[in-house]
N, C-alpha and C. Protein backbone atom coordinates (compact mmCIF):
# COMPACT_ATOMS: atom_id res chain seq x y z
N UNK A 1 -10.73 2.41 14.61
CA UNK A 1 -10.79 1.12 13.98
C UNK A 1 -9.98 1.54 12.62
N UNK A 2 -9.37 0.25 12.15
CA UNK A 2 -8.37 0.86 11.41
C UNK A 2 -9.00 0.47 9.59
N UNK A 3 -9.20 1.52 8.46
CA UNK A 3 -9.47 1.28 7.40
C UNK A 3 -8.43 0.46 6.49
N UNK A 4 -7.69 -0.05 7.21
CA UNK A 4 -6.26 -0.42 5.94
C UNK A 4 -6.61 -1.83 5.95
N UNK A 5 -6.80 -2.72 4.61
CA UNK A 5 -7.97 -3.98 4.41
C UNK A 5 -6.17 -4.86 4.17
N UNK A 6 -6.20 -5.85 4.80
CA UNK A 6 -4.78 -6.68 4.93
C UNK A 6 -5.15 -7.66 3.78
N UNK A 7 -4.15 -7.74 2.76
CA UNK A 7 -4.18 -8.46 1.61
C UNK A 7 -3.50 -9.76 1.97
N UNK A 8 -4.27 -11.09 1.94
CA UNK A 8 -3.88 -12.35 2.35
C UNK A 8 -2.92 -13.49 1.20
N UNK A 9 -3.87 -13.30 0.11
CA UNK A 9 -3.36 -14.12 -1.28
C UNK A 9 -3.66 -12.88 -2.06
N UNK A 10 -3.82 -13.73 -3.50
CA UNK A 10 -3.68 -13.05 -4.82
C UNK A 10 -5.19 -12.76 -4.79
N UNK A 11 -6.30 -13.65 -4.89
CA UNK A 11 -7.37 -13.30 -5.21
C UNK A 11 -8.44 -12.37 -3.62
N UNK A 12 -7.48 -12.02 -3.04
CA UNK A 12 -7.53 -10.88 -2.30
C UNK A 12 -7.05 -9.13 -2.66
N UNK A 13 -5.88 -9.61 -3.56
CA UNK A 13 -5.36 -8.52 -4.20
C UNK A 13 -5.79 -8.46 -5.39
N UNK A 14 -6.66 -9.08 -6.08
CA UNK A 14 -7.38 -9.04 -7.63
C UNK A 14 -8.50 -7.89 -6.85
N UNK A 15 -9.24 -8.57 -6.01
CA UNK A 15 -10.48 -7.85 -5.45
C UNK A 15 -10.49 -6.67 -4.94
N UNK A 16 -9.16 -6.34 -4.29
CA UNK A 16 -9.19 -5.31 -3.18
C UNK A 16 -8.44 -4.34 -4.28
N UNK A 17 -7.65 -4.53 -5.01
CA UNK A 17 -6.76 -3.57 -5.46
C UNK A 17 -7.24 -3.45 -7.19
N UNK A 18 -6.97 -4.82 -7.84
CA UNK A 18 -7.04 -4.77 -9.28
C UNK A 18 -8.77 -4.22 -9.84
N UNK A 19 -9.37 -4.92 -8.99
CA UNK A 19 -11.33 -4.65 -9.54
C UNK A 19 -11.81 -3.31 -8.63
N UNK A 20 -11.00 -2.72 -7.74
CA UNK A 20 -11.34 -1.30 -7.27
C UNK A 20 -11.78 -0.30 -7.88
N UNK A 21 -12.69 0.06 -7.55
CA UNK A 21 -13.29 1.24 -8.43
C UNK A 21 -12.73 2.91 -7.86
N UNK A 22 -11.77 2.81 -6.75
CA UNK A 22 -11.43 3.95 -6.44
C UNK A 22 -10.11 3.27 -6.35
N UNK A 23 -9.27 4.55 -6.29
CA UNK A 23 -7.64 4.55 -6.03
C UNK A 23 -7.31 3.63 -4.94
N UNK A 24 -6.06 2.53 -5.07
CA UNK A 24 -5.80 2.09 -4.17
C UNK A 24 -4.09 2.37 -3.63
N UNK A 25 -4.18 3.04 -2.31
CA UNK A 25 -2.52 2.82 -1.97
C UNK A 25 -2.06 1.35 -1.08
N UNK A 26 -0.84 0.61 -1.37
CA UNK A 26 -0.69 -0.70 -1.28
C UNK A 26 0.81 -0.36 -0.39
N UNK A 27 0.74 -1.05 0.65
CA UNK A 27 2.27 -0.63 1.62
C UNK A 27 2.14 -2.21 1.44
N UNK A 28 3.40 -2.29 0.37
CA UNK A 28 4.45 -3.81 0.77
C UNK A 28 5.09 -3.77 1.69
N UNK A 29 5.09 -5.00 2.93
CA UNK A 29 5.86 -4.45 3.83
C UNK A 29 6.39 -5.95 4.18
N UNK A 30 6.87 -6.22 5.24
CA UNK A 30 7.01 -7.70 5.84
C UNK A 30 7.51 -7.24 7.33
N UNK A 31 6.98 -8.52 8.36
CA UNK A 31 7.18 -8.39 9.60
C UNK A 31 8.44 -7.95 10.07
N UNK A 32 9.71 -8.31 9.59
CA UNK A 32 10.98 -8.47 10.08
C UNK A 32 11.78 -7.07 9.45
N UNK A 33 11.12 -6.23 8.72
CA UNK A 33 11.52 -4.83 8.08
C UNK A 33 11.71 -4.04 9.03
N UNK A 34 12.30 -3.37 10.26
CA UNK A 34 12.27 -2.27 10.87
C UNK A 34 11.93 -0.78 9.95
N UNK A 35 12.04 -0.47 8.85
CA UNK A 35 11.45 0.62 8.09
C UNK A 35 10.16 0.56 7.84
N UNK A 36 9.36 -0.81 7.73
CA UNK A 36 8.19 -1.06 7.86
C UNK A 36 7.30 -0.77 8.48
N UNK A 37 7.96 -1.24 10.23
CA UNK A 37 7.18 -1.12 11.18
C UNK A 37 7.21 0.66 11.40
N UNK A 38 8.15 1.28 11.10
CA UNK A 38 7.61 2.75 11.24
C UNK A 38 7.39 3.25 10.61
N UNK A 39 6.95 3.04 9.46
CA UNK A 39 5.78 3.27 8.67
C UNK A 39 4.25 3.11 8.70
N UNK A 40 4.32 2.28 9.39
CA UNK A 40 3.01 1.35 9.30
C UNK A 40 1.70 2.53 10.52
N UNK A 41 2.36 3.07 11.63
CA UNK A 41 1.21 4.25 12.02
C UNK A 41 1.06 5.13 10.78
N UNK A 42 1.91 5.41 10.18
CA UNK A 42 1.31 6.59 9.43
C UNK A 42 0.41 5.78 8.11
N UNK A 43 0.48 5.03 7.50
CA UNK A 43 -0.31 4.24 6.92
C UNK A 43 -1.43 4.26 7.72
N UNK A 44 -1.47 3.71 8.49
CA UNK A 44 -2.76 3.52 9.55
C UNK A 44 -3.46 5.07 9.53
N UNK A 45 -2.84 6.00 9.69
CA UNK A 45 -3.40 7.09 9.95
C UNK A 45 -3.45 8.02 8.98
N UNK A 46 -2.99 7.79 7.72
CA UNK A 46 -3.47 8.19 6.11
C UNK A 46 -4.82 7.64 5.88
N UNK A 47 -5.06 5.90 6.35
CA UNK A 47 -6.17 5.54 5.74
C UNK A 47 -7.26 6.18 6.35
N UNK A 48 -6.98 6.93 7.71
CA UNK A 48 -8.62 7.25 8.02
C UNK A 48 -8.40 8.85 7.52
N UNK A 49 -7.23 9.57 7.97
CA UNK A 49 -7.79 10.65 6.89
C UNK A 49 -7.82 11.05 5.50
N UNK A 50 -7.43 9.67 4.98
CA UNK A 50 -8.20 9.72 3.27
C UNK A 50 -9.07 8.48 2.81
N UNK A 51 -9.68 8.39 4.29
CA UNK A 51 -10.64 7.10 3.68
C UNK A 51 -11.92 7.42 2.95
N UNK A 52 -12.28 8.84 2.56
CA UNK A 52 -13.26 8.62 1.26
C UNK A 52 -12.77 9.07 -0.03
N UNK A 53 -11.10 8.77 0.01
CA UNK A 53 -10.70 9.51 -1.24
C UNK A 53 -9.77 8.11 -2.03
N UNK A 54 -9.15 7.30 -0.64
CA UNK A 54 -8.23 6.17 -1.59
C UNK A 54 -8.62 5.15 -0.36
N UNK A 55 -8.53 3.77 -1.07
CA UNK A 55 -8.56 2.37 -0.07
C UNK A 55 -7.26 2.55 0.41
N UNK A 56 -6.70 2.00 1.27
CA UNK A 56 -5.35 1.98 1.80
C UNK A 56 -5.27 0.11 1.87
N UNK A 57 -4.10 -0.31 1.34
CA UNK A 57 -4.06 -2.05 1.61
C UNK A 57 -2.93 -2.09 2.08
N UNK A 58 -2.55 -3.72 2.77
CA UNK A 58 -1.45 -3.71 3.62
C UNK A 58 -1.13 -5.08 2.77
N UNK A 59 0.17 -5.44 2.67
CA UNK A 59 0.09 -6.90 1.20
C UNK A 59 1.51 -7.33 2.03
N UNK A 60 1.86 -8.40 3.09
CA UNK A 60 3.23 -8.96 3.35
C UNK A 60 3.92 -9.35 2.56
N UNK A 61 4.76 -9.15 2.00
CA UNK A 61 5.72 -9.50 0.77
C UNK A 61 6.15 -11.31 1.14
N UNK A 62 6.22 -11.14 2.11
CA UNK A 62 6.85 -13.44 2.68
C UNK A 62 5.78 -14.13 2.31
N UNK A 63 4.41 -13.05 2.35
CA UNK A 63 3.27 -14.19 2.93
C UNK A 63 2.98 -13.98 0.84
N UNK A 64 3.53 -13.69 0.16
CA UNK A 64 2.68 -12.89 -0.74
C UNK A 64 4.06 -13.06 -1.59
N UNK A 65 4.77 -13.84 -2.12
CA UNK A 65 5.94 -13.53 -3.34
C UNK A 65 5.71 -13.67 -4.58
N UNK A 66 5.26 -14.07 -5.11
CA UNK A 66 4.40 -14.13 -6.33
C UNK A 66 4.09 -12.74 -6.91
N UNK A 67 2.81 -12.48 -6.08
CA UNK A 67 2.21 -10.42 -6.27
C UNK A 67 3.35 -9.80 -6.33
N UNK A 68 3.99 -9.70 -5.01
CA UNK A 68 5.10 -9.01 -4.86
C UNK A 68 6.45 -8.75 -6.36
N UNK A 69 6.51 -10.22 -6.78
CA UNK A 69 7.67 -10.28 -8.14
C UNK A 69 6.82 -9.84 -8.71
N UNK A 70 5.54 -9.91 -9.20
CA UNK A 70 5.19 -9.54 -10.37
C UNK A 70 5.27 -8.22 -10.41
N UNK A 71 4.80 -7.72 -9.52
CA UNK A 71 5.09 -5.73 -9.59
C UNK A 71 6.49 -4.94 -9.08
N UNK A 72 7.42 -6.23 -9.25
CA UNK A 72 8.64 -5.24 -9.18
C UNK A 72 9.24 -5.42 -7.60
N UNK A 73 8.82 -5.52 -6.90
CA UNK A 73 9.12 -4.75 -5.35
C UNK A 73 10.66 -6.05 -4.86
N UNK A 74 11.38 -5.18 -4.92
CA UNK A 74 12.59 -5.46 -4.17
C UNK A 74 13.36 -4.91 -3.27
N UNK A 75 12.47 -3.87 -2.91
CA UNK A 75 13.06 -3.37 -1.69
C UNK A 75 11.47 -2.80 -0.83
N UNK A 76 12.06 -3.02 0.37
CA UNK A 76 10.69 -2.85 1.48
C UNK A 76 10.89 -1.70 2.40
N UNK A 77 10.18 -0.97 3.04
CA UNK A 77 8.69 -1.07 2.54
C UNK A 77 8.53 0.08 0.66
N UNK A 78 7.58 -0.84 0.51
CA UNK A 78 7.42 0.36 -1.12
C UNK A 78 5.93 0.61 -1.33
N UNK A 79 5.49 1.46 -1.21
CA UNK A 79 4.02 2.04 -1.59
C UNK A 79 4.15 2.20 -2.85
N UNK A 80 2.67 1.31 -3.33
CA UNK A 80 1.96 1.23 -4.54
C UNK A 80 0.93 2.41 -4.93
N UNK A 81 0.52 2.98 -5.44
CA UNK A 81 -0.59 3.49 -5.91
C UNK A 81 -1.32 3.05 -7.03
N UNK A 82 -2.76 2.35 -6.94
CA UNK A 82 -3.22 1.94 -8.06
C UNK A 82 -4.35 2.35 -8.59
N UNK A 83 -4.74 2.72 -9.92
CA UNK A 83 -5.96 3.20 -10.21
C UNK A 83 -6.18 2.50 -11.31
N UNK A 84 -7.82 1.79 -11.59
CA UNK A 84 -8.18 1.02 -12.52
C UNK A 84 -7.23 0.10 -12.45
N UNK A 85 -6.35 -0.63 -11.39
CA UNK A 85 -5.97 -1.95 -11.60
C UNK A 85 -4.50 -1.74 -12.05
N UNK A 86 -4.08 -0.42 -12.07
CA UNK A 86 -2.79 -0.45 -12.62
C UNK A 86 -1.79 0.47 -11.83
N UNK A 87 -0.63 0.43 -11.52
CA UNK A 87 -0.03 0.97 -10.65
C UNK A 87 0.61 1.74 -11.06
N UNK A 88 0.36 3.20 -11.01
CA UNK A 88 0.62 4.80 -11.28
C UNK A 88 1.48 5.57 -10.56
N UNK A 89 2.11 5.18 -9.25
CA UNK A 89 2.72 5.64 -8.25
C UNK A 89 3.64 4.93 -7.72
N UNK A 90 4.89 5.22 -6.96
CA UNK A 90 6.08 4.13 -6.69
C UNK A 90 6.48 4.90 -5.70
N UNK A 91 6.82 4.88 -4.34
CA UNK A 91 7.82 5.26 -3.38
C UNK A 91 8.47 4.30 -2.53
N UNK A 92 9.84 3.93 -2.30
CA UNK A 92 10.92 2.96 -1.49
C UNK A 92 11.19 3.55 -0.64
N UNK A 93 10.97 3.01 0.50
CA UNK A 93 11.45 3.36 2.00
C UNK A 93 10.62 4.00 2.76
N UNK A 94 10.83 4.24 4.12
CA UNK A 94 10.48 4.51 5.04
C UNK A 94 10.06 6.28 4.48
N UNK A 95 9.07 6.90 4.56
CA UNK A 95 8.64 8.02 4.59
C UNK A 95 8.06 8.93 5.61
N UNK A 96 7.98 10.24 5.67
CA UNK A 96 7.54 11.09 6.18
C UNK A 96 5.90 11.07 6.68
N UNK A 97 5.39 11.58 7.49
CA UNK A 97 4.21 11.84 7.57
C UNK A 97 3.90 13.03 6.09
N UNK A 98 4.72 13.98 5.93
CA UNK A 98 4.71 15.11 5.06
C UNK A 98 4.52 14.49 4.20
N UNK A 99 5.54 13.61 3.54
CA UNK A 99 5.98 12.74 2.09
C UNK A 99 4.54 11.80 2.27
N UNK A 100 4.42 11.29 2.90
CA UNK A 100 3.69 9.98 2.80
C UNK A 100 1.90 10.97 2.09
N UNK A 101 1.95 12.02 2.72
CA UNK A 101 0.18 12.87 2.64
C UNK A 101 0.57 12.82 0.91
N UNK A 102 1.73 13.93 0.90
CA UNK A 102 2.09 14.67 -0.37
C UNK A 102 2.16 13.66 -1.87
N UNK A 103 2.62 12.24 -1.31
CA UNK A 103 2.40 10.98 -2.29
C UNK A 103 0.75 11.09 -2.71
N UNK A 104 0.10 10.85 -1.57
CA UNK A 104 -0.95 10.35 -1.67
C UNK A 104 -2.04 11.66 -2.44
N UNK A 105 -1.90 12.68 -2.14
CA UNK A 105 -2.47 13.48 -2.65
C UNK A 105 -2.07 13.97 -4.07
N UNK A 106 -1.15 13.36 -4.59
CA UNK A 106 -0.60 14.00 -5.75
C UNK A 106 -1.37 12.52 -7.03
N UNK A 107 -2.13 11.57 -6.44
CA UNK A 107 -2.90 10.99 -6.71
C UNK A 107 -4.34 10.49 -6.66
N UNK A 108 -4.68 11.20 -5.79
CA UNK A 108 -5.95 11.35 -5.59
C UNK A 108 -6.97 12.80 -5.69
């Protein structure tokens, strides 16, 4: 069972990311994006591995253009870590498992 929270709209984003009491990793992606599909299983694994330390969310930028633009998402996949409702770290592009783990560990 996946621990990844799918963000459907702006209200979900506010509830799950901005108002979260714990750090949140957001995977900004799109269905047509090859590197996003490559990264997706690693994000799923991270959601299990770090489930007690960070919430993991996915947001389709095609469905949520306004929110993606608000956070300056110009290239996907983009991973962003939020703390107290604010972005504190960003990685752009497909990462290896090791790179993803290091990115998460740097902020939890």
